[in-house]
Amino acid sequence: QVQLVESGGGLVQAGGSLRLSCVASGRIIRLNGMDWYRQVTGKQRELVATITSGGSTNYADSVKGRFTISRDNAKNTVYLQMNSLKPEDTAVYYCNAGITYYTGAFSSTRNVWGQGTQVTVSS
């Protein structure tokens, strides 16, 4: 009924930049908190950045000053601008959001994950 689709991943050299996008679709009433996570194979998924419905942001220490999370509520989209990329940023990046949506005559809220987008930073 609702889904998130990420895009913008790819291969970039160290020091370069990428901008990830995550678009929500479905019978959406409201997007609540939205987050970006990343995961390296064999390791736990790591929270990278969060943005509340009011626009407050928070970042993992490892990306502070390099990554910026933002959202466009009119487009149901959250972004992750990644600058000064390092090889250790290589991972699959996942979008996560709390979404309130219509279910017939009612509404429901659930946590939704995107399918992930690969980011590879070469040294």
Protein backbone atom coordinates (compact mmCIF):
# COMPACT_ATOMS: atom_id res chain seq x y z
CA GLN A 1 0.00 0.00 0.00
CA VAL A 2 2.92 2.33 0.65
CA GLN A 3 6.51 1.99 -0.42
CA LEU A 4 9.85 3.78 -0.45
CA VAL A 5 12.17 3.76 -3.45
CA GLU A 6 15.77 4.96 -3.18
CA SER A 7 17.95 6.20 -6.01
CA GLY A 8 21.20 8.03 -6.55
CA GLY A 9 23.73 5.44 -5.46
CA GLY A 10 26.78 4.56 -7.50
CA LEU A 11 30.54 4.47 -7.69
CA VAL A 12 32.51 7.59 -6.76
CA GLN A 13 36.11 8.38 -5.94
CA ALA A 14 37.14 9.35 -2.45
CA GLY A 15 36.46 13.04 -1.87
CA GLY A 16 33.53 13.03 -4.25
CA SER A 17 29.83 13.58 -3.67
CA LEU A 18 26.58 11.76 -4.18
CA ARG A 19 22.97 12.70 -3.52
CA LEU A 20 20.56 9.97 -2.54
CA SER A 21 16.82 10.35 -2.93
CA CYS A 22 13.99 8.36 -1.38
CA VAL A 23 10.46 8.79 -2.69
CA ALA A 24 7.40 7.56 -0.85
CA SER A 25 4.32 6.49 -2.78
CA GLY A 26 0.87 5.18 -1.98
CA ARG A 27 -2.18 6.62 -0.26
CA ILE A 28 -0.08 8.75 2.03
CA ILE A 29 -1.55 11.05 4.61
CA ARG A 30 1.64 12.07 6.29
CA LEU A 31 5.34 11.23 6.44
CA ASN A 32 6.61 11.29 9.99
CA GLY A 33 10.27 10.85 10.96
CA MET A 34 12.52 9.81 8.10
CA ASP A 35 15.95 8.23 8.36
CA TRP A 36 18.87 6.97 6.34
CA TYR A 37 20.67 3.81 7.41
CA ARG A 38 23.57 1.96 5.87
CA GLN A 39 24.79 -1.59 6.05
CA VAL A 40 27.99 -3.33 5.12
CA THR A 41 27.73 -7.04 4.40
CA GLY A 42 28.22 -8.99 7.60
CA LYS A 43 27.72 -5.99 9.85
CA GLN A 44 24.74 -4.46 11.63
CA ARG A 45 22.67 -1.79 9.97
CA GLU A 46 23.86 1.64 11.13
CA LEU A 47 21.76 4.79 11.56
CA VAL A 48 23.33 7.57 9.50
CA ALA A 49 20.93 10.51 9.72
CA THR A 50 17.44 11.36 10.87
CA ILE A 51 14.98 14.16 10.16
CA THR A 52 11.76 14.75 12.04
CA SER A 53 8.49 15.93 10.54
CA GLY A 54 9.40 19.38 11.80
CA GLY A 55 12.78 19.36 10.12
CA SER A 56 15.07 18.70 13.09
CA THR A 57 18.09 16.64 12.11
CA ASN A 58 20.60 14.36 13.76
CA TYR A 59 23.68 12.59 12.43
CA ALA A 60 26.02 9.78 13.27
CA ASP A 61 29.37 11.12 14.44
CA SER A 62 31.10 9.46 11.49
CA VAL A 63 29.21 11.61 8.96
CA LYS A 64 28.75 14.92 10.80
CA GLY A 65 29.89 17.85 8.72
CA ARG A 66 29.94 15.76 5.53
CA PHE A 67 26.36 14.51 5.08
CA THR A 68 23.14 16.53 5.04
CA ILE A 69 19.65 15.10 5.33
CA SER A 70 16.69 17.10 4.05
CA ARG A 71 13.10 16.51 3.04
CA ASP A 72 10.53 17.88 0.62
CA ASN A 73 7.11 17.09 2.06
CA ALA A 74 5.32 18.25 -1.08
CA LYS A 75 7.21 15.60 -3.05
CA ASN A 76 7.12 12.94 -0.30
CA THR A 77 10.89 12.76 -0.64
CA VAL A 78 13.89 12.65 1.67
CA TYR A 79 17.43 13.32 0.48
CA LEU A 80 20.91 12.55 1.70
CA GLN A 81 23.63 14.80 0.33
CA MET A 82 26.96 13.09 0.87
CA ASN A 83 30.14 15.13 0.44
CA SER A 84 33.80 14.36 1.06
CA LEU A 85 33.07 10.67 0.71
CA LYS A 86 35.50 8.15 2.15
CA PRO A 87 36.02 4.47 1.31
CA GLU A 88 34.54 3.59 4.71
CA ASP A 89 31.24 5.13 3.57
CA THR A 90 30.85 2.22 1.15
CA ALA A 91 27.63 0.40 2.01
CA VAL A 92 24.07 -0.23 0.96
CA TYR A 93 22.04 2.80 2.01
CA TYR A 94 18.45 2.32 3.13
CA CYS A 95 15.67 4.82 3.59
CA ASN A 96 13.25 4.37 6.48
CA ALA A 97 10.12 6.32 7.31
CA GLY A 98 7.11 6.31 9.56
CA ILE A 99 4.16 6.65 7.20
CA THR A 100 0.53 7.38 7.98
CA TYR A 101 -1.66 6.24 5.11
CA TYR A 102 -5.25 5.53 4.14
CA THR A 103 -6.58 2.01 4.47
CA GLY A 104 -10.07 2.22 3.07
CA ALA A 105 -12.08 4.54 5.29
CA PHE A 106 -9.46 4.44 8.01
CA SER A 107 -5.82 5.26 8.48
CA SER A 108 -2.84 3.34 9.70
CA THR A 109 0.77 4.10 10.56
CA ARG A 110 3.71 1.82 10.03
CA ASN A 111 7.44 1.82 9.59
CA VAL A 112 8.52 1.29 6.00
CA TRP A 113 11.91 0.40 4.52
CA GLY A 114 13.18 0.98 1.01
CA GLN A 115 15.02 -1.66 -0.98
CA GLY A 116 18.42 -0.01 -0.64
CA THR A 117 20.90 1.60 -3.00
CA GLN A 118 24.59 0.72 -3.25
CA VAL A 119 27.20 3.39 -2.61
CA THR A 120 30.80 2.48 -3.40
CA VAL A 121 33.67 4.86 -2.69
CA SER A 122 37.00 3.98 -4.27
CA SER A 123 40.31 5.09 -2.78
